[in-house]
Amino acid sequence: MSDKIYSVAVSCRDSIGWVEYDIENKTVKVCLDDAKAVEDAEKFLTTEHEIRVPHETLRDFSPVKVNPLADVESFQLALTRLWESTDVHVDWSRPVDYVKQHPHY
C-alpha cells in the first residue's frame, strides 16, 4: 500500500483485477474487464451499509453502520462483504502489484 492508495486484488468470473481506495480523496476505482462487475462493486463500495461485526468474541455480533469510504478500516470491512452482494471476490492473498503488472492473467 502506498501512503495514499490502498489496493487489493479482486476477481469476477473470468476477469482478474484490483480495487483502489484513494485515502486522501476518499474515492474508489475498480479495475476489471467486466463492466457489470465494476458498476456493481463501485456502487457497493460507495454506499453506507449496516454490517454485523464481532466485538470481543466471535459470538457477540452487533450491527454497525459502515461508510466504506470513511477510512481504510471501514473500506477493508466493506470489502469482506463485497462478494456476497456483487460476485466480486477479494483475493487477499494474491499480490496486487503482480496483478497490476499482468492484468490479463
Protein backbone atom coordinates (compact mmCIF):
# COMPACT_ATOMS: atom_id res chain seq x y z
CA MET A 1 0.00 0.00 0.00
CA SER A 2 1.35 3.40 -0.90
CA ASP A 3 0.78 6.23 1.54
CA LYS A 4 -2.21 7.49 -0.43
CA ILE A 5 -3.68 4.45 -2.20
CA TYR A 6 -4.85 1.18 -0.68
CA SER A 7 -5.13 -1.60 -3.29
CA VAL A 8 -6.29 -5.20 -3.23
CA ALA A 9 -6.62 -7.86 -5.93
CA VAL A 10 -10.11 -8.95 -7.00
CA SER A 11 -11.70 -11.32 -9.48
CA CYS A 12 -15.12 -11.83 -11.01
CA ARG A 13 -15.96 -14.67 -13.33
CA ASP A 14 -13.02 -14.75 -15.82
CA SER A 15 -11.69 -11.29 -15.01
CA ILE A 16 -8.84 -10.58 -12.59
CA GLY A 17 -8.10 -7.02 -11.49
CA TRP A 18 -7.90 -4.79 -8.47
CA VAL A 19 -9.66 -2.18 -6.38
CA GLU A 20 -8.00 1.09 -5.38
CA TYR A 21 -9.10 3.27 -2.47
CA ASP A 22 -7.71 6.81 -2.56
CA ILE A 23 -7.22 7.60 1.12
CA GLU A 24 -6.95 11.38 0.75
CA ASN A 25 -9.80 11.92 -1.70
CA LYS A 26 -11.97 9.09 -0.33
CA THR A 27 -12.73 7.64 -3.75
CA VAL A 28 -12.71 4.12 -5.15
CA LYS A 29 -11.75 2.74 -8.55
CA VAL A 30 -12.47 -0.84 -9.62
CA CYS A 31 -10.25 -2.17 -12.41
CA LEU A 32 -11.78 -5.26 -14.06
CA ASP A 33 -12.61 -6.28 -17.64
CA ASP A 34 -16.24 -6.83 -16.60
CA ALA A 35 -18.33 -3.65 -16.84
CA LYS A 36 -21.20 -5.03 -14.76
CA ALA A 37 -18.82 -6.14 -12.01
CA VAL A 38 -17.17 -2.71 -12.00
CA GLU A 39 -20.53 -0.96 -11.75
CA ASP A 40 -21.80 -3.27 -9.00
CA ALA A 41 -18.60 -3.11 -6.95
CA GLU A 42 -18.26 0.68 -7.20
CA LYS A 43 -21.89 1.11 -6.18
CA PHE A 44 -21.43 -1.22 -3.20
CA LEU A 45 -18.20 0.47 -2.11
CA THR A 46 -19.72 3.97 -2.23
CA THR A 47 -22.86 3.12 -0.27
CA GLU A 48 -23.28 3.03 3.51
CA HIS A 49 -24.10 -0.44 4.88
CA GLU A 50 -25.20 -1.96 8.14
CA ILE A 51 -22.76 -4.80 8.79
CA ARG A 52 -22.85 -7.23 11.67
CA VAL A 53 -19.38 -7.33 13.22
CA PRO A 54 -17.91 -9.27 16.15
CA HIS A 55 -16.53 -7.40 19.14
CA GLU A 56 -14.83 -9.32 21.93
CA THR A 57 -15.64 -12.84 20.70
CA LEU A 58 -16.98 -14.45 17.56
CA ARG A 59 -20.32 -14.82 19.32
CA ASP A 60 -21.12 -11.20 20.10
CA PHE A 61 -22.01 -9.76 16.70
CA SER A 62 -23.89 -6.50 16.51
CA PRO A 63 -24.87 -4.25 13.61
CA VAL A 64 -22.63 -1.30 12.80
CA LYS A 65 -23.19 1.34 10.11
CA VAL A 66 -20.19 1.44 7.81
CA ASN A 67 -19.35 4.07 5.22
CA PRO A 68 -16.73 2.26 3.10
CA LEU A 69 -15.04 5.48 2.01
CA ALA A 70 -14.66 6.93 5.52
CA ASP A 71 -11.24 5.37 6.19
CA VAL A 72 -9.09 2.34 5.34
CA GLU A 73 -10.52 0.21 8.16
CA SER A 74 -14.10 0.85 7.01
CA PHE A 75 -13.11 0.16 3.41
CA GLN A 76 -11.50 -3.15 4.40
CA LEU A 77 -14.58 -4.13 6.39
CA ALA A 78 -16.83 -3.42 3.41
CA LEU A 79 -14.51 -5.49 1.20
CA THR A 80 -15.21 -8.51 3.42
CA ARG A 81 -18.87 -8.30 2.33
CA LEU A 82 -18.29 -7.37 -1.33
CA TRP A 83 -18.59 -10.88 -2.76
CA GLU A 84 -21.97 -11.56 -1.12
CA SER A 85 -23.54 -8.59 -2.92
CA THR A 86 -21.65 -8.34 -6.21
CA ASP A 87 -19.91 -11.63 -7.11
CA VAL A 88 -16.62 -9.69 -7.00
CA HIS A 89 -14.21 -11.76 -4.90
CA VAL A 90 -11.42 -10.08 -2.96
CA ASP A 91 -8.26 -12.15 -3.30
CA TRP A 92 -6.46 -11.12 -0.13
CA SER A 93 -3.54 -13.49 -0.80
CA ARG A 94 -2.83 -12.50 -4.43
CA PRO A 95 -0.07 -9.86 -4.70
CA VAL A 96 -1.85 -6.81 -6.10
CA ASP A 97 1.35 -5.40 -7.64
CA TYR A 98 1.66 -8.56 -9.76
CA VAL A 99 -1.97 -8.25 -10.87
CA LYS A 100 -1.40 -4.62 -11.87
CA GLN A 101 1.59 -5.65 -13.98
CA HIS A 102 -0.31 -8.60 -15.55
CA PRO A 103 -3.99 -7.61 -15.60
CA HIS A 104 -4.96 -10.31 -18.11
CA TYR A 105 -3.58 -13.19 -16.05
